[in-house]
PDB file of N, CA and C in Angstrom:
ATOM      1  N   MET A   1      25.061 -36.756  55.356  1.00  0.00           N
ATOM      2  CA  MET A   1      24.338 -37.893  54.797  1.00  0.00           C
ATOM      3  C   MET A   1      23.530 -37.429  53.592  1.00  0.00           C
ATOM      4  N   VAL A   2      23.437 -38.324  52.604  1.00  0.00           N
ATOM      5  CA  VAL A   2      22.577 -38.101  51.444  1.00  0.00           C
ATOM      6  C   VAL A   2      21.703 -39.339  51.280  1.00  0.00           C
ATOM      7  N   TYR A   3      20.580 -39.158  50.590  1.00  0.00           N
ATOM      8  CA  TYR A   3      19.578 -40.216  50.502  1.00  0.00           C
ATOM      9  C   TYR A   3      19.121 -40.393  49.057  1.00  0.00           C
ATOM     10  N   ARG A   4      18.711 -41.644  48.757  1.00  0.00           N
ATOM     11  CA  ARG A   4      18.207 -41.961  47.420  1.00  0.00           C
ATOM     12  C   ARG A   4      17.103 -42.992  47.573  1.00  0.00           C
ATOM     13  N   SER A   5      16.101 -42.895  46.722  1.00  0.00           N
ATOM     14  CA  SER A   5      14.981 -43.827  46.737  1.00  0.00           C
ATOM     15  C   SER A   5      14.822 -44.399  45.344  1.00  0.00           C
ATOM     16  N   PRO A   6      14.460 -45.678  45.222  1.00  0.00           N
ATOM     17  CA  PRO A   6      14.143 -46.661  46.258  1.00  0.00           C
ATOM     18  C   PRO A   6      15.412 -47.217  46.892  1.00  0.00           C
ATOM     19  N   GLY A   7      15.223 -47.947  47.975  1.00  0.00           N
ATOM     20  CA  GLY A   7      16.362 -48.521  48.677  1.00  0.00           C
ATOM     21  C   GLY A   7      15.934 -49.634  49.608  1.00  0.00           C
ATOM     22  N   LYS A   8      16.828 -50.010  50.506  1.00  0.00           N
ATOM     23  CA  LYS A   8      16.598 -51.143  51.424  1.00  0.00           C
ATOM     24  C   LYS A   8      15.910 -50.727  52.716  1.00  0.00           C
ATOM     25  N   ASN A   9      15.942 -49.458  53.053  1.00  0.00           N
ATOM     26  CA  ASN A   9      15.430 -48.994  54.341  1.00  0.00           C
ATOM     27  C   ASN A   9      14.005 -48.474  54.192  1.00  0.00           C
ATOM     28  N   PRO A  10      13.049 -49.053  54.939  1.00  0.00           N
ATOM     29  CA  PRO A  10      11.656 -48.619  54.809  1.00  0.00           C
ATOM     30  C   PRO A  10      11.379 -47.338  55.607  1.00  0.00           C
ATOM     31  N   THR A  11      10.434 -46.583  55.096  1.00  0.00           N
ATOM     32  CA  THR A  11       9.894 -45.419  55.787  1.00  0.00           C
ATOM     33  C   THR A  11       8.412 -45.361  55.436  1.00  0.00           C
ATOM     34  N   ARG A  12       7.657 -44.546  56.091  1.00  0.00           N
ATOM     35  CA  ARG A  12       6.223 -44.512  55.793  1.00  0.00           C
ATOM     36  C   ARG A  12       5.936 -43.963  54.396  1.00  0.00           C
ATOM     37  N   TYR A  13       6.903 -43.295  53.784  1.00  0.00           N
ATOM     38  CA  TYR A  13       6.723 -42.733  52.450  1.00  0.00           C
ATOM     39  C   TYR A  13       7.168 -43.685  51.351  1.00  0.00           C
ATOM     40  N   GLY A  14       8.071 -44.582  51.661  1.00  0.00           N
ATOM     41  CA  GLY A  14       8.634 -45.485  50.675  1.00  0.00           C
ATOM     42  C   GLY A  14       9.907 -46.096  51.230  1.00  0.00           C
ATOM     43  N   THR A  15      10.848 -46.410  50.379  1.00  0.00           N
ATOM     44  CA  THR A  15      12.120 -46.967  50.826  1.00  0.00           C
ATOM     45  C   THR A  15      13.258 -46.059  50.369  1.00  0.00           C
ATOM     46  N   PHE A  16      14.411 -46.188  51.049  1.00  0.00           N
ATOM     47  CA  PHE A  16      15.544 -45.324  50.711  1.00  0.00           C
ATOM     48  C   PHE A  16      16.852 -46.006  51.066  1.00  0.00           C
ATOM     49  N   ASP A  17      17.906 -45.503  50.452  1.00  0.00           N
ATOM     50  CA  ASP A  17      19.286 -45.837  50.825  1.00  0.00           C
ATOM     51  C   ASP A  17      19.945 -44.556  51.281  1.00  0.00           C
ATOM     52  N   TYR A  18      21.025 -44.680  52.028  1.00  0.00           N
ATOM     53  CA  TYR A  18      21.752 -43.497  52.473  1.00  0.00           C
ATOM     54  C   TYR A  18      23.243 -43.723  52.335  1.00  0.00           C
ATOM     55  N   CYS A  19      23.956 -42.620  52.308  1.00  0.00           N
ATOM     56  CA  CYS A  19      25.401 -42.671  52.143  1.00  0.00           C
ATOM     57  C   CYS A  19      25.997 -41.463  52.861  1.00  0.00           C
ATOM     58  N   GLY A  20      27.108 -41.679  53.549  1.00  0.00           N
ATOM     59  CA  GLY A  20      27.781 -40.579  54.225  1.00  0.00           C
ATOM     60  C   GLY A  20      28.720 -39.863  53.262  1.00  0.00           C
ATOM     61  N   VAL A  21      28.794 -38.554  53.394  1.00  0.00           N
ATOM     62  CA  VAL A  21      29.738 -37.764  52.600  1.00  0.00           C
ATOM     63  C   VAL A  21      30.622 -37.003  53.576  1.00  0.00           C
ATOM     64  N   GLU A  22      31.889 -36.805  53.196  1.00  0.00           N
ATOM     65  CA  GLU A  22      32.845 -36.198  54.118  1.00  0.00           C
ATOM     66  C   GLU A  22      33.332 -34.821  53.692  1.00  0.00           C
ATOM     67  N   SER A  23      32.951 -34.390  52.499  1.00  0.00           N
ATOM     68  CA  SER A  23      33.417 -33.076  52.053  1.00  0.00           C
ATOM     69  C   SER A  23      32.360 -32.438  51.149  1.00  0.00           C
ATOM     70  N   GLN A  24      32.550 -31.174  50.900  1.00  0.00           N
ATOM     71  CA  GLN A  24      31.628 -30.466  50.007  1.00  0.00           C
ATOM     72  C   GLN A  24      31.708 -31.037  48.595  1.00  0.00           C
ATOM     73  N   ASP A  25      32.914 -31.428  48.163  1.00  0.00           N
ATOM     74  CA  ASP A  25      33.073 -32.027  46.832  1.00  0.00           C
ATOM     75  C   ASP A  25      32.282 -33.330  46.723  1.00  0.00           C
ATOM     76  N   GLU A  26      32.340 -34.175  47.758  1.00  0.00           N
ATOM     77  CA  GLU A  26      31.576 -35.424  47.756  1.00  0.00           C
ATOM     78  C   GLU A  26      30.070 -35.142  47.761  1.00  0.00           C
ATOM     79  N   LEU A  27      29.663 -34.128  48.521  1.00  0.00           N
ATOM     80  CA  LEU A  27      28.248 -33.765  48.561  1.00  0.00           C
ATOM     81  C   LEU A  27      27.784 -33.289  47.194  1.00  0.00           C
ATOM     82  N   ASP A  28      28.567 -32.414  46.559  1.00  0.00           N
ATOM     83  CA  ASP A  28      28.200 -31.910  45.231  1.00  0.00           C
ATOM     84  C   ASP A  28      28.109 -33.048  44.216  1.00  0.00           C
ATOM     85  N   GLU A  29      29.046 -33.986  44.289  1.00  0.00           N
ATOM     86  CA  GLU A  29      29.014 -35.125  43.369  1.00  0.00           C
ATOM     87  C   GLU A  29      27.790 -36.003  43.607  1.00  0.00           C
ATOM     88  N   ALA A  30      27.489 -36.272  44.883  1.00  0.00           N
ATOM     89  CA  ALA A  30      26.331 -37.104  45.209  1.00  0.00           C
ATOM     90  C   ALA A  30      25.033 -36.449  44.735  1.00  0.00           C
ATOM     91  N   LEU A  31      24.917 -35.153  44.946  1.00  0.00           N
ATOM     92  CA  LEU A  31      23.710 -34.439  44.503  1.00  0.00           C
ATOM     93  C   LEU A  31      23.586 -34.458  42.983  1.00  0.00           C
ATOM     94  N   SER A  32      24.720 -34.352  42.290  1.00  0.00           N
ATOM     95  CA  SER A  32      24.671 -34.381  40.825  1.00  0.00           C
ATOM     96  C   SER A  32      24.305 -35.770  40.304  1.00  0.00           C
ATOM     97  N   LEU A  33      24.516 -36.805  41.124  1.00  0.00           N
ATOM     98  CA  LEU A  33      24.183 -38.177  40.727  1.00  0.00           C
ATOM     99  C   LEU A  33      22.778 -38.590  41.150  1.00  0.00           C
ATOM    100  N   GLY A  34      21.995 -37.640  41.705  1.00  0.00           N
ATOM    101  CA  GLY A  34      20.600 -37.930  42.030  1.00  0.00           C
ATOM    102  C   GLY A  34      20.312 -38.197  43.489  1.00  0.00           C
ATOM    103  N   TRP A  35      21.296 -38.076  44.358  1.00  0.00           N
ATOM    104  CA  TRP A  35      21.062 -38.228  45.784  1.00  0.00           C
ATOM    105  C   TRP A  35      20.404 -36.943  46.308  1.00  0.00           C
ATOM    106  N   SER A  36      19.712 -37.059  47.444  1.00  0.00           N
ATOM    107  CA  SER A  36      18.997 -35.915  48.026  1.00  0.00           C
ATOM    108  C   SER A  36      19.494 -35.637  49.435  1.00  0.00           C
ATOM    109  N   LEU A  37      19.185 -34.439  49.941  1.00  0.00           N
ATOM    110  CA  LEU A  37      19.615 -34.055  51.287  1.00  0.00           C
ATOM    111  C   LEU A  37      18.727 -34.626  52.382  1.00  0.00           C
ATOM    112  N   THR A  38      17.469 -34.965  52.046  1.00  0.00           N
ATOM    113  CA  THR A  38      16.559 -35.540  53.047  1.00  0.00           C
ATOM    114  C   THR A  38      15.879 -36.779  52.481  1.00  0.00           C
ATOM    115  N   VAL A  39      15.398 -37.617  53.386  1.00  0.00           N
ATOM    116  CA  VAL A  39      14.671 -38.825  52.973  1.00  0.00           C
ATOM    117  C   VAL A  39      13.425 -38.431  52.194  1.00  0.00           C
ATOM    118  N   GLU A  40      12.710 -37.426  52.695  1.00  0.00           N
ATOM    119  CA  GLU A  40      11.476 -36.995  52.036  1.00  0.00           C
ATOM    120  C   GLU A  40      11.738 -36.525  50.606  1.00  0.00           C
ATOM    121  N   ASP A  41      12.808 -35.766  50.408  1.00  0.00           N
ATOM    122  CA  ASP A  41      13.144 -35.304  49.054  1.00  0.00           C
ATOM    123  C   ASP A  41      13.478 -36.473  48.135  1.00  0.00           C
ATOM    124  N   ALA A  42      14.196 -37.460  48.668  1.00  0.00           N
ATOM    125  CA  ALA A  42      14.566 -38.627  47.862  1.00  0.00           C
ATOM    126  C   ALA A  42      13.335 -39.414  47.435  1.00  0.00           C
ATOM    127  N   VAL A  43      12.436 -39.658  48.387  1.00  0.00           N
ATOM    128  CA  VAL A  43      11.220 -40.417  48.072  1.00  0.00           C
ATOM    129  C   VAL A  43      10.322 -39.617  47.138  1.00  0.00           C
ATOM    130  N   ASP A  44      10.200 -38.307  47.350  1.00  0.00           N
ATOM    131  CA  ASP A  44       9.395 -37.459  46.464  1.00  0.00           C
ATOM    132  C   ASP A  44       9.935 -37.480  45.035  1.00  0.00           C
ATOM    133  N   ALA A  45      11.253 -37.394  44.896  1.00  0.00           N
ATOM    134  CA  ALA A  45      11.854 -37.414  43.556  1.00  0.00           C
ATOM    135  C   ALA A  45      11.556 -38.731  42.854  1.00  0.00           C
ATOM    136  N   PHE A  46      11.661 -39.834  43.597  1.00  0.00           N
ATOM    137  CA  PHE A  46      11.369 -41.139  43.005  1.00  0.00           C
ATOM    138  C   PHE A  46       9.894 -41.241  42.611  1.00  0.00           C
ATOM    139  N   ASN A  47       8.996 -40.805  43.494  1.00  0.00           N
ATOM    140  CA  ASN A  47       7.563 -40.883  43.198  1.00  0.00           C
ATOM    141  C   ASN A  47       7.191 -40.014  41.998  1.00  0.00           C
ATOM    142  N   LYS A  48       7.802 -38.843  41.876  1.00  0.00           N
ATOM    143  CA  LYS A  48       7.539 -37.984  40.724  1.00  0.00           C
ATOM    144  C   LYS A  48       8.008 -38.645  39.430  1.00  0.00           C
ATOM    145  N   ALA A  49       9.154 -39.315  39.497  1.00  0.00           N
ATOM    146  CA  ALA A  49       9.657 -40.014  38.310  1.00  0.00           C
ATOM    147  C   ALA A  49       8.726 -41.155  37.912  1.00  0.00           C
ATOM    148  N   VAL A  50       8.211 -41.879  38.887  1.00  0.00           N
ATOM    149  CA  VAL A  50       7.272 -42.979  38.603  1.00  0.00           C
ATOM    150  C   VAL A  50       5.985 -42.427  38.000  1.00  0.00           C
ATOM    151  N   GLU A  51       5.470 -41.337  38.562  1.00  0.00           N
ATOM    152  CA  GLU A  51       4.243 -40.726  38.029  1.00  0.00           C
ATOM    153  C   GLU A  51       4.446 -40.239  36.598  1.00  0.00           C
ATOM    154  N   ALA A  52       5.591 -39.642  36.319  1.00  0.00           N
ATOM    155  CA  ALA A  52       5.875 -39.164  34.959  1.00  0.00           C
ATOM    156  C   ALA A  52       5.955 -40.338  33.990  1.00  0.00           C
ATOM    157  N   ALA A  53       6.569 -41.424  34.420  1.00  0.00           N
ATOM    158  CA  ALA A  53       6.664 -42.616  33.562  1.00  0.00           C
ATOM    159  C   ALA A  53       5.284 -43.189  33.291  1.00  0.00           C
ATOM    160  N   GLU A  54       4.418 -43.189  34.272  1.00  0.00           N
ATOM    161  CA  GLU A  54       3.046 -43.686  34.089  1.00  0.00           C
ATOM    162  C   GLU A  54       2.272 -42.810  33.111  1.00  0.00           C
ATOM    163  N   ARG A  55       2.441 -41.485  33.225  1.00  0.00           N
ATOM    164  CA  ARG A  55       1.753 -40.584  32.291  1.00  0.00           C
ATOM    165  C   ARG A  55       2.217 -40.840  30.867  1.00  0.00           C
ATOM    166  N   LEU A  56       3.521 -40.993  30.687  1.00  0.00           N
ATOM    167  CA  LEU A  56       4.043 -41.252  29.344  1.00  0.00           C
ATOM    168  C   LEU A  56       3.557 -42.584  28.811  1.00  0.00           C
ATOM    169  N   LYS A  57       3.471 -43.569  29.675  1.00  0.00           N
ATOM    170  CA  LYS A  57       3.023 -44.903  29.265  1.00  0.00           C
ATOM    171  C   LYS A  57       1.567 -44.864  28.788  1.00  0.00           C
ATOM    172  N   ASN A  58       0.769 -44.014  29.408  1.00  0.00           N
ATOM    173  CA  ASN A  58      -0.655 -43.956  29.073  1.00  0.00           C
ATOM    174  C   ASN A  58      -0.977 -43.000  27.927  1.00  0.00           C
ATOM    175  N   GLU A  59       0.001 -42.204  27.483  1.00  0.00           N
ATOM    176  CA  GLU A  59      -0.250 -41.291  26.374  1.00  0.00           C
ATOM    177  C   GLU A  59      -0.309 -42.069  25.067  1.00  0.00           C
ATOM    178  N   PRO A  60      -1.126 -41.594  24.133  1.00  0.00           N
ATOM    179  CA  PRO A  60      -1.188 -42.290  22.838  1.00  0.00           C
ATOM    180  C   PRO A  60       0.142 -42.185  22.116  1.00  0.00           C
ATOM    181  N   LYS A  61       0.449 -43.225  21.395  1.00  0.00           N
ATOM    182  CA  LYS A  61       1.694 -43.241  20.618  1.00  0.00           C
ATOM    183  C   LYS A  61       1.522 -42.353  19.392  1.00  0.00           C
ATOM    184  N   VAL A  62       2.550 -41.648  19.028  1.00  0.00           N
ATOM    185  CA  VAL A  62       2.519 -40.735  17.892  1.00  0.00           C
ATOM    186  C   VAL A  62       3.497 -41.245  16.850  1.00  0.00           C
ATOM    187  N   LYS A  63       3.026 -41.308  15.631  1.00  0.00           N
ATOM    188  CA  LYS A  63       3.899 -41.715  14.534  1.00  0.00           C
ATOM    189  C   LYS A  63       4.226 -40.476  13.721  1.00  0.00           C
ATOM    190  N   ILE A  64       5.499 -40.231  13.528  1.00  0.00           N
ATOM    191  CA  ILE A  64       5.934 -39.067  12.763  1.00  0.00           C
ATOM    192  C   ILE A  64       6.165 -39.507  11.329  1.00  0.00           C
ATOM    193  N   VAL A  65       5.509 -38.820  10.408  1.00  0.00           N
ATOM    194  CA  VAL A  65       5.642 -39.133   8.990  1.00  0.00           C
ATOM    195  C   VAL A  65       6.232 -37.917   8.294  1.00  0.00           C
ATOM    196  N   VAL A  66       7.279 -38.155   7.552  1.00  0.00           N
ATOM    197  CA  VAL A  66       7.915 -37.083   6.795  1.00  0.00           C
ATOM    198  C   VAL A  66       7.570 -37.291   5.333  1.00  0.00           C
ATOM    199  N   ASN A  67       6.905 -36.321   4.755  1.00  0.00           N
ATOM    200  CA  ASN A  67       6.551 -36.402   3.346  1.00  0.00           C
ATOM    201  C   ASN A  67       7.685 -35.828   2.517  1.00  0.00           C
ATOM    202  N   GLU A  68       8.078 -36.581   1.524  1.00  0.00           N
ATOM    203  CA  GLU A  68       9.108 -36.097   0.613  1.00  0.00           C
ATOM    204  C   GLU A  68       8.489 -35.043  -0.301  1.00  0.00           C
ATOM    205  N   PRO A  69       9.235 -34.021  -0.647  1.00  0.00           N
ATOM    206  CA  PRO A  69       8.674 -33.022  -1.555  1.00  0.00           C
ATOM    207  C   PRO A  69       8.372 -33.653  -2.907  1.00  0.00           C
ATOM    208  N   GLU A  70       7.245 -33.249  -3.467  1.00  0.00           N
ATOM    209  CA  GLU A  70       6.857 -33.802  -4.755  1.00  0.00           C
ATOM    210  C   GLU A  70       7.739 -33.213  -5.849  1.00  0.00           C
ATOM    211  N   SER A  71       8.132 -34.077  -6.774  1.00  0.00           N
ATOM    212  CA  SER A  71       8.917 -33.567  -7.896  1.00  0.00           C
ATOM    213  C   SER A  71       7.947 -32.996  -8.922  1.00  0.00           C
ATOM    214  N   GLU A  72       8.422 -32.023  -9.643  1.00  0.00           N
ATOM    215  CA  GLU A  72       7.561 -31.413 -10.642  1.00  0.00           C
ATOM    216  C   GLU A  72       7.445 -32.327 -11.843  1.00  0.00           C
ATOM    217  N   ALA A  73       6.214 -32.625 -12.207  1.00  0.00           N
ATOM    218  CA  ALA A  73       5.975 -33.476 -13.368  1.00  0.00           C
ATOM    219  C   ALA A  73       6.026 -32.610 -14.621  1.00  0.00           C
ATOM    220  N   ALA A  74       6.358 -33.239 -15.699  1.00  0.00           N
ATOM    221  CA  ALA A  74       6.367 -32.516 -16.972  1.00  0.00           C
ATOM    222  C   ALA A  74       4.941 -32.092 -17.300  1.00  0.00           C
ATOM    223  N   PRO A  75       4.760 -30.897 -17.815  1.00  0.00           N
ATOM    224  CA  PRO A  75       3.402 -30.448 -18.133  1.00  0.00           C
ATOM    225  C   PRO A  75       2.792 -31.312 -19.235  1.00  0.00           C
ATOM    226  N   LEU A  76       1.490 -31.515 -19.123  1.00  0.00           N
ATOM    227  CA  LEU A  76       0.786 -32.285 -20.141  1.00  0.00           C
ATOM    228  C   LEU A  76       0.571 -31.427 -21.378  1.00  0.00           C
ATOM    229  N   PRO A  77       0.659 -32.044 -22.547  1.00  0.00           N
ATOM    230  CA  PRO A  77       0.355 -31.270 -23.758  1.00  0.00           C
ATOM    231  C   PRO A  77      -1.120 -30.888 -23.765  1.00  0.00           C
ATOM    232  N   GLU A  78      -1.430 -29.761 -24.364  1.00  0.00           N
ATOM    233  CA  GLU A  78      -2.811 -29.285 -24.394  1.00  0.00           C
ATOM    234  C   GLU A  78      -3.260 -29.069 -25.837  1.00  0.00           C
ATOM    235  N   VAL A  79      -4.534 -29.363 -26.027  1.00  0.00           N
ATOM    236  CA  VAL A  79      -5.179 -29.069 -27.309  1.00  0.00           C
ATOM    237  C   VAL A  79      -6.413 -28.244 -26.975  1.00  0.00           C
ATOM    238  N   ALA A  80      -6.477 -27.069 -27.500  1.00  0.00           N
ATOM    239  CA  ALA A  80      -7.595 -26.145 -27.256  1.00  0.00           C
ATOM    240  C   ALA A  80      -7.785 -25.918 -25.760  1.00  0.00           C
ATOM    241  N   GLY A  81      -6.661 -25.821 -25.014  1.00  0.00           N
ATOM    242  CA  GLY A  81      -6.747 -25.521 -23.587  1.00  0.00           C
ATOM    243  C   GLY A  81      -7.065 -26.717 -22.710  1.00  0.00           C
ATOM    244  N   GLU A  82      -7.276 -27.908 -23.284  1.00  0.00           N
ATOM    245  CA  GLU A  82      -7.582 -29.103 -22.506  1.00  0.00           C
ATOM    246  C   GLU A  82      -6.369 -30.040 -22.505  1.00  0.00           C
ATOM    247  N   PRO A  83      -6.032 -30.663 -21.341  1.00  0.00           N
ATOM    248  CA  PRO A  83      -4.912 -31.595 -21.324  1.00  0.00           C
ATOM    249  C   PRO A  83      -5.218 -32.831 -22.167  1.00  0.00           C
ATOM    250  N   VAL A  84      -4.195 -33.343 -22.820  1.00  0.00           N
ATOM    251  CA  VAL A  84      -4.339 -34.524 -23.670  1.00  0.00           C
ATOM    252  C   VAL A  84      -3.433 -35.607 -23.109  1.00  0.00           C
ATOM    253  N   LEU A  85      -3.976 -36.790 -22.899  1.00  0.00           N
ATOM    254  CA  LEU A  85      -3.176 -37.914 -22.442  1.00  0.00           C
ATOM    255  C   LEU A  85      -2.515 -38.573 -23.642  1.00  0.00           C
ATOM    256  N   LEU A  86      -1.274 -38.937 -23.473  1.00  0.00           N
ATOM    257  CA  LEU A  86      -0.531 -39.557 -24.557  1.00  0.00           C
ATOM    258  C   LEU A  86      -0.608 -41.079 -24.433  1.00  0.00           C
ATOM    259  N   ALA A  87      -0.745 -41.718 -25.548  1.00  0.00           N
ATOM    260  CA  ALA A  87      -0.654 -43.174 -25.572  1.00  0.00           C
ATOM    261  C   ALA A  87       0.826 -43.524 -25.558  1.00  0.00           C
ATOM    262  N   GLU A  88       1.139 -44.778 -25.239  1.00  0.00           N
ATOM    263  CA  GLU A  88       2.538 -45.188 -25.196  1.00  0.00           C
ATOM    264  C   GLU A  88       3.217 -44.965 -26.543  1.00  0.00           C
ATOM    265  N   ASP A  89       2.480 -45.186 -27.627  1.00  0.00           N
ATOM    266  CA  ASP A  89       3.056 -44.987 -28.951  1.00  0.00           C
ATOM    267  C   ASP A  89       3.432 -43.526 -29.167  1.00  0.00           C
ATOM    268  N   ASP A  90       2.587 -42.616 -28.680  1.00  0.00           N
ATOM    269  CA  ASP A  90       2.864 -41.194 -28.825  1.00  0.00           C
ATOM    270  C   ASP A  90       4.138 -40.802 -28.075  1.00  0.00           C
ATOM    271  N   GLU A  91       4.339 -41.403 -26.891  1.00  0.00           N
ATOM    272  CA  GLU A  91       5.524 -41.082 -26.111  1.00  0.00           C
ATOM    273  C   GLU A  91       6.781 -41.510 -26.857  1.00  0.00           C
ATOM    274  N   GLU A  92       6.719 -42.643 -27.542  1.00  0.00           N
ATOM    275  CA  GLU A  92       7.874 -43.117 -28.293  1.00  0.00           C
ATOM    276  C   GLU A  92       8.225 -42.140 -29.418  1.00  0.00           C
ATOM    277  N   GLU A  93       7.225 -41.550 -30.038  1.00  0.00           N
ATOM    278  CA  GLU A  93       7.473 -40.622 -31.138  1.00  0.00           C
ATOM    279  C   GLU A  93       8.161 -39.352 -30.649  1.00  0.00           C
ATOM    280  N   ASP A  94       7.950 -38.993 -29.379  1.00  0.00           N
ATOM    281  CA  ASP A  94       8.553 -37.782 -28.840  1.00  0.00           C
ATOM    282  C   ASP A  94      10.032 -37.955 -28.516  1.00  0.00           C
ATOM    283  N   LYS A  95      10.498 -39.212 -28.455  1.00  0.00           N
ATOM    284  CA  LYS A  95      11.895 -39.449 -28.116  1.00  0.00           C
ATOM    285  C   LYS A  95      12.756 -39.268 -29.351  1.00  0.00           C
ATOM    286  N   PRO A  96      13.946 -38.714 -29.187  1.00  0.00           N
ATOM    287  CA  PRO A  96      14.833 -38.588 -30.344  1.00  0.00           C
ATOM    288  C   PRO A  96      15.300 -39.970 -30.797  1.00  0.00           C
ATOM    289  N   ARG A  97      15.419 -40.110 -32.088  1.00  0.00           N
ATOM    290  CA  ARG A  97      15.849 -41.403 -32.643  1.00  0.00           C
ATOM    291  C   ARG A  97      17.298 -41.290 -33.074  1.00  0.00           C
ATOM    292  N   ARG A  98      18.018 -42.375 -32.888  1.00  0.00           N
ATOM    293  CA  ARG A  98      19.402 -42.402 -33.339  1.00  0.00           C
ATOM    294  C   ARG A  98      19.475 -42.832 -34.779  1.00  0.00           C
ATOM    295  N   ARG A  99      20.331 -42.209 -35.467  1.00  0.00           N
ATOM    296  CA  ARG A  99      20.522 -42.597 -36.864  1.00  0.00           C
ATOM    297  C   ARG A  99      21.569 -43.702 -36.933  1.00  0.00           C
ATOM    298  N   ARG A 100      21.319 -44.642 -37.744  1.00  0.00           N
ATOM    299  CA  ARG A 100      22.280 -45.719 -37.923  1.00  0.00           C
ATOM    300  C   ARG A 100      23.342 -45.291 -38.899  1.00  0.00           C
ATOM    301  N   LYS A 101      24.548 -45.675 -38.617  1.00  0.00           N
ATOM    302  CA  LYS A 101      25.658 -45.323 -39.498  1.00  0.00           C
ATOM    303  C   LYS A 101      25.961 -46.420 -40.475  1.00  0.00           C
TER     304      LYS A 101
END
């Protein structure tokens, strides 16, 4: 017999279901699917899962933020070691001009 909780059958620890197994292969499969060898183990496993879910529910939510790497900006022109801000007109003068044919 193998046991799983919760289930239809009451016990002082909780509720459980049971299932008969006829071979070692069936037992191994049942155990891999979460069934237990005793009622107490089945109920304990269920209670531990509920407690873990409650702890996770009560933990603060975490937001993960990924910062993109900053691109390197073009260096500012300097006059006498001090950065100089360009006016829009100055930026236009720095662009190459096309000659008309």
